[in-house]
Amino acid sequence: MNYKDLADAIFPNITKTIADYEKEYPARNLKEGAKVTRFAPSPTGYMHLGGFYQALIDYMLAKNSDGLFYLRIEDTDTKREVKEAVDLIYDTLNHYNIIPNESEYNGEIKGNYGPYFQSERKEIYHTFIKHLIEIGRAYPCFCTKEELDELRNHQEARKFRTGYYGRYAKCRLLPIENQIEKIKNGEEFVIRFKSEGNFDLKFKTDDQVKGTLELSQNDEDFVIMKSDDKLPTYHFAHVVDDYLMHTTHVVRGEEWLSSLPKHLELFKAFGFKTPKYVHTPLLIKKDGNSVRKISKRKDPEASMTYYKDDGYPALSVIEALMTIINSNYEEWHTANPDKRFDEFEYNPKKMSSSGAFFDLDKLDNISKNIISKMTKDEVFNYLDEWTKEYDLEFNAIINKDVNYTKAILNIEREQKKPRKDFGKWKDVKPAIWYMFNELFDKTELSYEWGKINNIDDIKEILNTYFNDYYDVNDDKDTWFNKVKELTERLGYTTDMKAYKENPDNFKGSVADVSTVIRVAVTTKSMTPDLYEILKLLGKEEILRRINRV
């Protein structure tokens, strides 16, 4: 008996060959230098920031080179699969408009290199595994869990490197006749790759981010097909798929570096050309005085739903990630403010090789800048869309009088230096709630009085101003001149220089008087342009609010 007999005993129904699949998946018709990338998430939970960060790099590599970016769902880990995870993956990519050229969703296949779910490619993997068995580079392993646990305990007790390798790989020594007999008897088995490596020997390989690496050869006979569902492990499946789908660049987290020797040995065993690897640095954050990896368990911002739920514009999140994807992005963006992010030439060599610092404060600043450049119509449309999903009450309020809402949103907006109040749509309601009677009247009001906080002084300022001075038809200069007249009439000062030098010499300043008016109608000491607020509220509403004071 020989290896072919063994392969036929394990896969009696597999009649295709690797050559047959190579014909089904011919070389892609792309221009020279075009990159083919894939985002290949496992549907085992929510879509996390690190995954999207890698998808964005995949997208940029393909976009920059007139190449192709496809989505492959790596769903071979059936025990950990989460039902709604695939929907979350597609929803996230669609929300950020990072659209793959090829994918498969709800039975609709876009592209000629599918299926794009690994669970649907089992026959392909079995064909490739059968080939490895035929050439003596893979074999069935009948070790039980108890036997493997005993082996690991033995190695740990003697402080040996753990794993199924060398003299510990006992099933690789079984005669072919015994292996076939066990298979015919229905004994459970996995398929292991038969390594030819020597862990004590080093080899060099290039990574697009890390540069030249020196790694130990793989000597582990790792599992390439599981026993229960006969599906391949990630180590095996991605090699076969990236070969057949003609992936040129594999983007993944640096946590996979330790597995790279396994994957390179698999490519070599098949005689396949190896794709270029882009091992991205871990996303890290500040935690007090220390720096740590962003954690799925500890950090809500690890989930991509966090940004959608809080109402960050999609572009804000992308721009924040672009600043850590390449060190020169911010400089480029400053020099090219009108260009889209995907016009930037991404270069893996300009990524940090240690860690990628993701800062929510920086995201907020980027987002405030982006929103500040939007027109009132754009802001309203985004706010309307977000509140329909997250705050129906506020959505009804802002739509009661759309022109009024847009006028509020336009205060200090469409000008040379626009105000930067909002970093996300969740910020809007807390910033402008007082402009809507429906919210103002049901809120337990807390007035942020400043220097002038004596109720008699407050009443004097408000009654005098709105009885003797305020006219809704005044232009802004006239309005402010009247505030200054009021200030001087009541014994305060408009001389800000003198006030700053000797504040105790005055009852207060024109700024303090303005604050009384501002707080009386809004409850807030800091708001956008007071003139515009008063004009929008109208005198009747202003007087109603003053009476509440």
Protein backbone atom coordinates (compact mmCIF):
# COMPACT_ATOMS: atom_id res chain seq x y z
CA MET A 1 0.00 0.00 0.00
CA ASN A 2 1.13 3.54 -0.73
CA TYR A 3 0.19 7.16 -0.08
CA LYS A 4 -2.35 7.16 -2.92
CA ASP A 5 -4.17 4.22 -1.31
CA LEU A 6 -4.28 6.19 1.93
CA ALA A 7 -5.59 9.28 0.16
CA ASP A 8 -8.30 7.27 -1.59
CA ALA A 9 -9.32 5.65 1.70
CA ILE A 10 -9.83 9.08 3.29
CA PHE A 11 -11.35 10.85 0.27
CA PRO A 12 -12.91 8.13 -1.93
CA ASN A 13 -15.30 10.59 -3.61
CA ILE A 14 -12.76 13.25 -4.51
CA THR A 15 -11.96 12.85 -8.19
CA LYS A 16 -10.90 16.37 -9.12
CA THR A 17 -7.29 17.49 -9.07
CA ILE A 18 -5.54 20.75 -8.29
CA ALA A 19 -5.12 21.26 -12.03
CA ASP A 20 -8.90 21.09 -12.47
CA TYR A 21 -9.38 23.92 -10.00
CA GLU A 22 -6.58 25.97 -11.53
CA LYS A 23 -8.62 25.92 -14.76
CA GLU A 24 -11.75 27.03 -12.88
CA TYR A 25 -9.83 29.88 -11.23
CA PRO A 26 -7.65 31.29 -14.01
CA ALA A 27 -5.29 34.23 -13.59
CA ARG A 28 -7.20 37.48 -13.19
CA ASN A 29 -7.36 39.85 -16.14
CA LEU A 30 -5.83 42.89 -14.45
CA LYS A 31 -3.16 45.34 -15.51
CA GLU A 32 0.42 44.74 -14.48
CA GLY A 33 1.06 45.80 -10.88
CA ALA A 34 -2.61 45.65 -9.89
CA LYS A 35 -3.01 44.33 -6.37
CA VAL A 36 -5.63 41.77 -5.34
CA THR A 37 -6.55 42.00 -1.66
CA ARG A 38 -9.12 40.34 0.53
CA PHE A 39 -10.88 41.16 3.75
CA ALA A 40 -11.40 37.76 5.35
CA PRO A 41 -13.16 38.06 8.72
CA SER A 42 -14.44 35.18 10.82
CA PRO A 43 -18.14 35.57 11.75
CA THR A 44 -17.50 34.86 15.42
CA GLY A 45 -18.70 38.12 16.95
CA TYR A 46 -19.17 41.79 16.30
CA MET A 47 -17.25 43.69 13.62
CA HIS A 48 -14.31 45.16 15.51
CA LEU A 49 -12.16 48.22 14.87
CA GLY A 50 -9.05 46.17 14.13
CA GLY A 51 -10.87 44.25 11.42
CA PHE A 52 -12.21 47.39 9.77
CA TYR A 53 -8.75 48.96 9.99
CA GLN A 54 -7.39 46.02 7.97
CA ALA A 55 -10.31 46.17 5.50
CA LEU A 56 -9.49 49.83 4.89
CA ILE A 57 -5.88 48.92 4.07
CA ASP A 58 -7.10 46.17 1.72
CA TYR A 59 -9.33 48.72 0.02
CA MET A 60 -6.54 51.29 -0.30
CA LEU A 61 -4.03 48.81 -1.76
CA ALA A 62 -6.52 47.73 -4.43
CA LYS A 63 -7.79 51.25 -5.13
CA ASN A 64 -4.31 52.76 -5.52
CA SER A 65 -3.26 50.12 -8.05
CA ASP A 66 -6.50 49.78 -10.04
CA GLY A 67 -6.67 46.34 -8.53
CA LEU A 68 -9.39 44.31 -6.88
CA PHE A 69 -10.67 44.01 -3.32
CA TYR A 70 -12.87 41.08 -2.35
CA LEU A 71 -14.65 39.85 0.77
CA ARG A 72 -14.23 36.26 1.91
CA ILE A 73 -16.05 34.97 4.99
CA GLU A 74 -13.82 32.53 6.87
CA ASP A 75 -16.55 30.54 8.61
CA THR A 76 -14.76 27.24 9.24
CA ASP A 77 -14.91 27.69 13.03
CA THR A 78 -18.52 26.58 13.28
CA LYS A 79 -18.48 26.21 17.08
CA ARG A 80 -17.80 29.92 17.61
CA GLU A 81 -19.92 31.27 14.77
CA VAL A 82 -22.41 34.02 15.66
CA LYS A 83 -25.57 34.09 13.59
CA GLU A 84 -25.82 37.84 12.97
CA ALA A 85 -22.07 38.40 12.51
CA VAL A 86 -22.17 38.23 8.70
CA ASP A 87 -24.90 40.88 8.60
CA LEU A 88 -22.78 43.12 10.84
CA ILE A 89 -19.79 42.71 8.51
CA TYR A 90 -21.81 43.71 5.45
CA ASP A 91 -23.64 46.52 7.26
CA THR A 92 -20.35 48.00 8.43
CA LEU A 93 -18.67 47.90 5.01
CA ASN A 94 -21.76 49.43 3.41
CA HIS A 95 -22.03 52.13 6.08
CA TYR A 96 -18.45 53.24 5.38
CA ASN A 97 -18.76 52.70 1.63
CA ILE A 98 -15.81 50.31 1.61
CA ILE A 99 -17.47 48.11 -0.99
CA PRO A 100 -15.73 44.92 -2.16
CA ASN A 101 -15.55 44.24 -5.89
CA GLU A 102 -16.43 40.63 -5.18
CA SER A 103 -18.52 39.11 -2.38
CA GLU A 104 -21.44 36.87 -1.55
CA TYR A 105 -24.46 37.85 0.52
CA ASN A 106 -27.91 36.33 0.98
CA GLY A 107 -27.29 33.91 -1.90
CA GLU A 108 -26.22 36.64 -4.33
CA ILE A 109 -22.67 36.14 -5.64
CA LYS A 110 -20.74 39.05 -7.11
CA GLY A 111 -17.58 37.76 -8.82
CA ASN A 112 -16.28 34.62 -10.56
CA TYR A 113 -13.93 33.30 -7.87
CA GLY A 114 -16.45 32.12 -5.29
CA PRO A 115 -17.95 30.64 -3.29
CA TYR A 116 -16.89 33.45 -0.94
CA PHE A 117 -17.84 31.51 2.19
CA GLN A 118 -15.18 28.99 3.15
CA SER A 119 -17.79 26.55 4.47
CA GLU A 120 -19.02 26.23 0.88
CA ARG A 121 -15.55 25.32 -0.43
CA LYS A 122 -15.09 22.04 1.46
CA GLU A 123 -14.66 19.92 -1.69
CA ILE A 124 -11.90 22.24 -2.90
CA TYR A 125 -10.00 21.90 0.36
CA HIS A 126 -10.40 18.11 0.34
CA THR A 127 -8.90 18.00 -3.14
CA PHE A 128 -5.83 19.93 -1.99
CA ILE A 129 -5.52 17.89 1.22
CA LYS A 130 -5.78 14.67 -0.79
CA HIS A 131 -2.90 15.89 -2.94
CA LEU A 132 -0.73 16.47 0.14
CA ILE A 133 -1.50 12.95 1.40
CA GLU A 134 -0.62 11.51 -2.02
CA ILE A 135 2.80 13.16 -1.97
CA GLY A 136 3.44 12.19 1.65
CA ARG A 137 3.06 15.67 3.15
CA ALA A 138 -0.10 15.04 5.21
CA TYR A 139 -1.47 12.15 7.25
CA PRO A 140 -4.36 11.17 9.52
CA CYS A 141 -3.85 11.54 13.26
CA PHE A 142 -5.92 9.37 15.61
CA CYS A 143 -4.70 10.85 18.92
CA THR A 144 -7.50 11.50 21.39
CA LYS A 145 -7.92 14.71 23.37
CA GLU A 146 -6.73 12.88 26.46
CA GLU A 147 -3.59 11.71 24.71
CA LEU A 148 -2.83 15.22 23.46
CA ASP A 149 -3.41 16.66 26.95
CA GLU A 150 -1.04 14.06 28.39
CA LEU A 151 1.57 14.96 25.77
CA ARG A 152 1.28 18.67 26.58
CA ASN A 153 1.55 18.03 30.33
CA HIS A 154 4.63 15.88 29.73
CA GLN A 155 6.28 18.65 27.69
CA GLU A 156 5.39 21.38 30.18
CA ALA A 157 6.66 19.35 33.15
CA ARG A 158 10.04 19.02 31.45
CA LYS A 159 9.95 22.62 30.23
CA PHE A 160 10.01 21.45 26.61
CA ARG A 161 8.40 23.39 23.79
CA THR A 162 4.80 22.24 23.53
CA GLY A 163 3.35 20.95 20.27
CA TYR A 164 2.93 17.96 17.99
CA TYR A 165 6.36 17.74 16.36
CA GLY A 166 9.37 15.47 15.87
CA ARG A 167 9.37 12.47 18.16
CA TYR A 168 6.10 13.64 19.73
CA ALA A 169 4.25 13.30 16.42
CA LYS A 170 3.59 9.62 16.94
CA CYS A 171 0.87 9.18 14.29
CA ARG A 172 3.20 10.17 11.47
CA LEU A 173 5.15 6.98 12.22
CA LEU A 174 2.14 4.67 11.80
CA PRO A 175 2.46 2.31 8.82
CA ILE A 176 0.08 3.12 5.98
CA GLU A 177 -1.65 -0.25 6.41
CA ASN A 178 -2.47 0.59 10.04
CA GLN A 179 -3.77 4.04 9.10
CA ILE A 180 -6.08 2.60 6.44
CA GLU A 181 -7.32 -0.08 8.84
CA LYS A 182 -8.18 2.53 11.50
CA ILE A 183 -10.04 4.58 8.90
CA LYS A 184 -12.04 1.53 7.77
CA ASN A 185 -12.86 0.80 11.41
CA GLY A 186 -14.41 4.27 11.70
CA GLU A 187 -11.88 5.68 14.17
CA GLU A 188 -12.04 9.46 14.50
CA PHE A 189 -9.12 11.40 13.04
CA VAL A 190 -7.84 14.80 12.00
CA ILE A 191 -5.47 15.47 9.12
CA ARG A 192 -2.07 16.90 9.99
CA PHE A 193 0.48 18.53 7.73
CA LYS A 194 3.80 16.68 7.75
CA SER A 195 6.44 19.32 8.34
CA GLU A 196 9.99 19.08 6.99
CA GLY A 197 11.25 22.03 9.02
CA ASN A 198 13.80 22.29 11.80
CA PHE A 199 12.87 24.67 14.59
CA ASP A 200 16.54 25.25 15.42
CA LEU A 201 17.18 26.66 11.95
CA LYS A 202 16.28 30.23 10.96
CA PHE A 203 15.12 31.62 7.64
CA LYS A 204 14.59 35.12 6.34
CA THR A 205 11.40 36.50 4.87
CA ASP A 206 10.09 39.95 4.00
CA ASP A 207 7.03 41.62 5.44
CA GLN A 208 5.64 44.79 3.87
CA VAL A 209 5.43 46.54 7.26
CA LYS A 210 8.04 44.84 9.42
CA GLY A 211 10.74 44.59 6.75
CA THR A 212 13.09 41.60 6.74
CA LEU A 213 12.27 39.06 9.45
CA GLU A 214 14.33 36.17 10.73
CA LEU A 215 12.09 33.37 11.96
CA SER A 216 12.48 29.80 13.14
CA GLN A 217 11.42 27.16 10.66
CA ASN A 218 8.15 25.40 11.39
CA ASP A 219 8.53 21.82 12.56
CA GLU A 220 5.03 21.31 13.92
CA ASP A 221 2.68 18.80 12.30
CA PHE A 222 -0.28 21.13 12.72
CA VAL A 223 -3.90 20.21 12.02
CA ILE A 224 -5.16 21.14 8.56
CA MET A 225 -8.55 19.37 8.70
CA LYS A 226 -10.76 18.93 11.75
CA SER A 227 -12.42 15.66 12.70
CA ASP A 228 -15.99 16.72 13.41
CA ASP A 229 -17.08 18.74 10.38
CA LYS A 230 -14.14 17.82 8.10
CA LEU A 231 -13.57 21.53 7.48
CA PRO A 232 -10.03 22.91 7.22
CA THR A 233 -8.32 25.09 9.80
CA TYR A 234 -7.49 28.72 9.03
CA HIS A 235 -3.85 27.77 8.46
CA PHE A 236 -4.78 25.56 5.52
CA ALA A 237 -7.88 27.23 4.07
CA HIS A 238 -6.36 30.67 3.57
CA VAL A 239 -3.40 29.21 1.66
CA VAL A 240 -5.66 27.37 -0.79
CA ASP A 241 -8.06 30.29 -1.20
CA ASP A 242 -5.40 32.95 -1.61
CA TYR A 243 -3.77 30.79 -4.27
CA LEU A 244 -6.94 30.11 -6.26
CA MET A 245 -8.31 33.64 -5.86
CA HIS A 246 -4.94 35.08 -6.88
CA THR A 247 -4.49 37.24 -3.80
CA THR A 248 -1.32 39.31 -4.13
CA HIS A 249 -1.29 40.91 -0.66
CA VAL A 250 -2.50 39.38 2.62
CA VAL A 251 -3.31 42.06 5.21
CA ARG A 252 -3.70 40.79 8.77
CA GLY A 253 -2.73 41.61 12.36
CA GLU A 254 0.78 41.08 13.64
CA GLU A 255 -0.53 38.43 16.04
CA TRP A 256 -0.36 36.09 13.02
CA LEU A 257 3.41 36.52 12.64
CA SER A 258 4.09 33.47 14.81
CA SER A 259 2.05 31.37 12.34
CA LEU A 260 3.82 32.69 9.26
CA PRO A 261 6.39 29.84 9.11
CA LYS A 262 3.48 27.34 8.96
CA HIS A 263 1.83 29.18 6.10
CA LEU A 264 5.03 29.66 4.13
CA GLU A 265 5.85 25.96 4.44
CA LEU A 266 2.38 25.08 3.12
CA PHE A 267 2.85 27.33 0.08
CA LYS A 268 6.23 25.72 -0.51
CA ALA A 269 4.82 22.17 -0.16
CA PHE A 270 2.32 22.92 -2.93
CA GLY A 271 4.87 24.77 -5.05
CA PHE A 272 2.69 27.90 -5.03
CA LYS A 273 3.92 31.47 -5.28
CA THR A 274 3.65 33.18 -1.90
CA PRO A 275 1.62 36.41 -1.64
CA LYS A 276 3.12 39.45 0.02
CA TYR A 277 2.20 39.74 3.70
CA VAL A 278 1.22 43.01 5.40
CA HIS A 279 1.23 42.39 9.15
CA THR A 280 -0.40 45.44 10.68
CA PRO A 281 0.59 46.70 14.15
CA LEU A 282 -1.84 46.29 17.04
CA LEU A 283 -4.27 49.12 17.74
CA ILE A 284 -3.33 50.56 21.11
CA LYS A 285 -4.71 53.20 23.48
CA LYS A 286 -3.72 55.13 26.56
CA ASP A 287 -5.07 53.75 29.82
CA GLY A 288 -4.05 56.12 32.60
CA ASN A 289 -0.28 56.29 32.54
CA SER A 290 0.12 53.10 30.55
CA VAL A 291 -0.48 52.03 26.97
CA ARG A 292 -2.27 48.81 26.09
CA LYS A 293 -3.94 46.98 23.23
CA ILE A 294 -7.54 47.98 22.53
CA SER A 295 -9.56 45.19 24.12
CA LYS A 296 -12.80 43.63 22.92
CA ARG A 297 -13.81 43.05 26.55
CA LYS A 298 -12.77 46.35 28.12
CA ASP A 299 -13.27 48.98 25.42
CA PRO A 300 -16.65 49.79 23.84
CA GLU A 301 -14.82 51.59 21.03
CA ALA A 302 -13.40 48.23 19.92
CA SER A 303 -16.76 47.51 18.26
CA MET A 304 -17.64 49.27 15.01
CA THR A 305 -21.23 49.61 16.24
CA TYR A 306 -19.92 52.09 18.83
CA TYR A 307 -19.20 54.71 16.16
CA LYS A 308 -22.49 54.27 14.33
CA ASP A 309 -24.48 54.28 17.58
CA ASP A 310 -22.81 57.50 18.75
CA GLY A 311 -23.31 59.07 15.34
CA TYR A 312 -19.79 59.67 14.09
CA PRO A 313 -19.85 60.48 10.38
CA ALA A 314 -18.37 57.58 8.42
CA LEU A 315 -15.69 59.84 6.97
CA SER A 316 -14.55 60.88 10.47
CA VAL A 317 -13.76 57.31 11.47
CA ILE A 318 -11.98 56.65 8.18
CA GLU A 319 -9.92 59.84 8.46
CA ALA A 320 -8.91 58.97 12.03
CA LEU A 321 -7.75 55.53 10.91
CA MET A 322 -5.94 56.96 7.90
CA THR A 323 -3.76 59.06 10.22
CA ILE A 324 -2.42 55.88 11.82
CA ILE A 325 -2.36 53.79 8.64
CA ASN A 326 0.40 56.00 7.24
CA SER A 327 2.57 58.47 9.11
CA ASN A 328 2.50 61.01 6.26
CA TYR A 329 -1.27 61.06 5.77
CA GLU A 330 -1.96 64.18 7.83
CA GLU A 331 0.73 66.13 5.97
CA TRP A 332 -0.75 65.00 2.64
CA HIS A 333 -4.29 65.83 3.73
CA THR A 334 -3.25 69.34 4.84
CA ALA A 335 -1.63 69.92 1.45
CA ASN A 336 -4.64 68.43 -0.40
CA PRO A 337 -7.72 69.44 1.64
CA ASP A 338 -10.13 68.93 -1.25
CA LYS A 339 -9.01 65.42 -2.14
CA ARG A 340 -10.71 62.24 -0.96
CA PHE A 341 -8.86 59.92 1.39
CA ASP A 342 -8.70 57.18 -1.27
CA GLU A 343 -6.64 59.43 -3.53
CA PHE A 344 -3.81 59.12 -1.03
CA GLU A 345 -1.05 56.67 -2.01
CA TYR A 346 -0.93 54.15 0.81
CA ASN A 347 2.50 52.65 1.54
CA PRO A 348 2.84 49.75 4.03
CA LYS A 349 6.42 50.78 4.72
CA LYS A 350 5.15 54.02 6.27
CA MET A 351 3.15 52.19 8.93
CA SER A 352 4.37 52.04 12.50
CA SER A 353 6.03 48.68 13.09
CA SER A 354 5.41 48.78 16.85
CA GLY A 355 1.87 49.92 17.61
CA ALA A 356 -0.89 52.05 16.10
CA PHE A 357 -2.19 54.57 18.65
CA PHE A 358 -5.94 55.15 18.27
CA ASP A 359 -7.17 58.15 20.25
CA LEU A 360 -10.87 58.96 20.71
CA ASP A 361 -10.02 62.59 21.51
CA LYS A 362 -8.26 62.86 18.17
CA LEU A 363 -11.24 61.24 16.46
CA ASP A 364 -13.52 63.85 18.08
CA ASN A 365 -11.32 66.70 16.83
CA ILE A 366 -11.19 65.26 13.32
CA SER A 367 -14.93 64.76 13.36
CA LYS A 368 -15.68 68.28 14.63
CA ASN A 369 -13.61 69.65 11.80
CA ILE A 370 -15.42 67.53 9.21
CA ILE A 371 -18.90 68.41 10.51
CA SER A 372 -18.00 72.12 10.73
CA LYS A 373 -17.40 72.14 6.96
CA MET A 374 -20.82 70.70 6.18
CA THR A 375 -23.70 72.90 5.06
CA LYS A 376 -26.78 73.21 7.22
CA ASP A 377 -28.64 70.97 4.78
CA GLU A 378 -25.99 68.25 5.05
CA VAL A 379 -25.98 68.43 8.83
CA PHE A 380 -29.77 68.27 8.98
CA ASN A 381 -29.92 65.29 6.62
CA TYR A 382 -27.34 63.31 8.60
CA LEU A 383 -29.02 64.25 11.89
CA ASP A 384 -32.43 63.29 10.51
CA GLU A 385 -31.09 59.90 9.38
CA TRP A 386 -29.37 59.19 12.71
CA THR A 387 -32.27 60.26 14.94
CA LYS A 388 -34.70 58.09 12.95
CA GLU A 389 -32.77 55.11 14.28
CA TYR A 390 -31.62 56.34 17.68
CA ASP A 391 -33.93 59.13 18.95
CA LEU A 392 -37.40 59.19 17.45
CA GLU A 393 -38.65 61.91 19.82
CA PHE A 394 -35.91 64.31 18.76
CA ASN A 395 -36.44 63.35 15.13
CA ALA A 396 -40.08 64.43 15.38
CA ILE A 397 -39.04 67.71 17.01
CA ILE A 398 -36.44 68.67 14.40
CA ASN A 399 -38.88 67.82 11.60
CA LYS A 400 -41.73 69.90 13.06
CA ASP A 401 -40.24 72.99 11.41
CA VAL A 402 -37.32 71.94 9.20
CA ASN A 403 -36.38 75.49 8.22
CA TYR A 404 -36.22 76.51 11.89
CA THR A 405 -33.99 73.52 12.71
CA LYS A 406 -31.70 74.26 9.78
CA ALA A 407 -31.44 77.88 10.89
CA ILE A 408 -30.31 76.70 14.34
CA LEU A 409 -27.77 74.34 12.81
CA ASN A 410 -26.51 77.15 10.60
CA ILE A 411 -25.54 79.49 13.46
CA GLU A 412 -21.84 80.27 12.95
CA ARG A 413 -21.62 77.54 10.32
CA GLU A 414 -21.30 78.67 6.72
CA GLN A 415 -18.52 81.18 7.32
CA LYS A 416 -14.72 81.43 7.10
CA LYS A 417 -14.12 80.03 10.60
CA PRO A 418 -17.14 77.85 11.37
CA ARG A 419 -18.00 76.86 14.90
CA LYS A 420 -17.00 73.32 15.91
CA ASP A 421 -19.69 72.24 18.37
CA PHE A 422 -20.44 68.71 17.26
CA GLY A 423 -18.11 65.73 16.92
CA LYS A 424 -20.96 63.29 16.39
CA TRP A 425 -24.71 63.39 15.91
CA LYS A 426 -25.20 62.30 19.51
CA ASP A 427 -23.72 65.69 20.52
CA VAL A 428 -26.36 67.77 18.73
CA LYS A 429 -29.32 67.38 21.07
CA PRO A 430 -27.36 68.25 24.26
CA ALA A 431 -25.95 71.30 22.43
CA ILE A 432 -29.18 72.81 21.06
CA TRP A 433 -32.04 71.35 23.14
CA TYR A 434 -32.90 74.74 24.61
CA MET A 435 -33.90 76.03 21.16
CA PHE A 436 -36.96 73.76 21.16
CA ASN A 437 -39.86 74.54 23.49
CA GLU A 438 -40.83 70.87 23.64
CA LEU A 439 -37.51 70.11 25.34
CA PHE A 440 -37.06 73.38 27.22
CA ASP A 441 -40.41 73.15 28.96
CA LYS A 442 -40.02 69.60 30.23
CA THR A 443 -36.44 69.98 31.42
CA GLU A 444 -35.58 70.65 35.03
CA LEU A 445 -33.68 73.87 34.43
CA SER A 446 -30.35 74.70 36.00
CA TYR A 447 -29.08 78.19 35.19
CA GLU A 448 -25.34 78.70 34.74
CA TRP A 449 -25.15 82.27 36.09
CA GLY A 450 -21.69 83.73 36.06
CA LYS A 451 -20.30 86.74 37.96
CA ILE A 452 -23.73 88.35 38.13
CA ASN A 453 -25.82 85.92 40.16
CA ASN A 454 -27.89 88.12 42.47
CA ILE A 455 -31.52 87.71 41.47
CA ASP A 456 -32.31 91.43 41.82
CA ASP A 457 -29.39 92.38 39.55
CA ILE A 458 -30.48 89.72 37.06
CA LYS A 459 -34.06 91.00 37.04
CA GLU A 460 -32.88 94.58 36.57
CA ILE A 461 -30.73 93.67 33.56
CA LEU A 462 -33.41 91.54 31.90
CA ASN A 463 -36.35 93.86 32.47
CA THR A 464 -34.44 96.97 31.40
CA TYR A 465 -32.97 95.32 28.30
CA PHE A 466 -36.12 93.71 26.95
CA ASN A 467 -38.43 96.61 27.86
CA ASP A 468 -36.21 99.47 26.68
CA TYR A 469 -33.66 98.10 24.19
CA TYR A 470 -34.35 94.82 22.44
CA ASP A 471 -35.78 94.99 18.93
CA VAL A 472 -35.92 91.77 16.90
CA ASN A 473 -35.43 93.82 13.70
CA ASP A 474 -32.05 95.26 14.74
CA ASP A 475 -28.98 94.24 12.77
CA LYS A 476 -26.11 92.73 14.70
CA ASP A 477 -24.11 95.94 15.18
CA THR A 478 -27.15 97.84 16.42
CA TRP A 479 -28.04 94.97 18.73
CA PHE A 480 -24.59 94.90 20.33
CA ASN A 481 -24.42 98.68 20.67
CA LYS A 482 -27.66 98.53 22.64
CA VAL A 483 -26.20 95.86 24.93
CA LYS A 484 -23.27 98.20 25.55
CA GLU A 485 -25.65 101.12 26.28
CA LEU A 486 -27.48 98.92 28.78
CA THR A 487 -24.16 97.96 30.37
CA GLU A 488 -23.09 101.54 30.97
CA ARG A 489 -26.58 102.64 32.09
CA LEU A 490 -26.69 100.05 34.87
CA GLY A 491 -23.23 100.79 36.18
CA TYR A 492 -21.21 98.04 34.49
CA THR A 493 -18.32 98.67 32.10
CA THR A 494 -17.67 98.19 28.41
CA ASP A 495 -13.96 98.92 28.89
CA MET A 496 -12.68 95.35 28.88
CA LYS A 497 -9.05 96.39 29.23
CA ALA A 498 -9.76 98.35 32.42
CA TYR A 499 -11.96 95.55 33.71
CA LYS A 500 -9.26 92.90 33.22
CA GLU A 501 -6.71 95.09 34.99
CA ASN A 502 -8.95 95.93 37.99
CA PRO A 503 -12.09 93.76 38.01
CA ASP A 504 -12.93 94.64 41.61
CA ASN A 505 -13.48 98.28 40.58
CA PHE A 506 -16.61 97.38 38.60
CA LYS A 507 -19.93 95.66 39.15
CA GLY A 508 -19.13 93.62 36.08
CA SER A 509 -18.44 93.90 32.36
CA VAL A 510 -20.40 93.88 29.14
CA ALA A 511 -19.50 90.18 28.87
CA ASP A 512 -21.15 89.55 32.24
CA VAL A 513 -24.27 91.44 31.19
CA SER A 514 -24.42 89.44 27.94
CA THR A 515 -24.07 86.25 29.96
CA VAL A 516 -27.14 87.13 32.03
CA ILE A 517 -29.19 87.51 28.84
CA ARG A 518 -27.71 84.32 27.37
CA VAL A 519 -28.35 82.21 30.48
CA ALA A 520 -31.85 83.59 30.97
CA VAL A 521 -33.01 82.32 27.57
CA THR A 522 -30.87 79.18 27.21
CA THR A 523 -29.75 78.27 30.79
CA LYS A 524 -26.22 77.95 29.33
CA SER A 525 -23.26 80.28 29.79
CA MET A 526 -21.62 79.04 26.57
CA THR A 527 -23.67 78.98 23.37
CA PRO A 528 -23.34 79.93 19.72
CA ASP A 529 -23.96 83.51 18.65
CA LEU A 530 -26.45 85.10 21.10
CA TYR A 531 -27.78 87.55 18.51
CA GLU A 532 -28.82 84.66 16.22
CA ILE A 533 -30.36 82.72 19.11
CA LEU A 534 -32.50 85.66 20.19
CA LYS A 535 -33.59 86.32 16.63
CA LEU A 536 -34.68 82.72 16.12
CA LEU A 537 -36.50 82.42 19.44
CA GLY A 538 -38.46 85.64 18.90
CA LYS A 539 -39.47 88.21 21.52
CA GLU A 540 -42.60 86.40 22.68
CA GLU A 541 -40.67 83.25 23.53
CA ILE A 542 -37.82 85.25 25.07
CA LEU A 543 -40.23 87.05 27.43
CA ARG A 544 -41.90 83.75 28.34
CA ARG A 545 -38.53 82.32 29.35
CA ILE A 546 -37.56 85.42 31.30
CA ASN A 547 -40.76 85.07 33.30
CA ARG A 548 -39.62 81.54 34.25
CA VAL A 549 -36.41 83.06 35.64
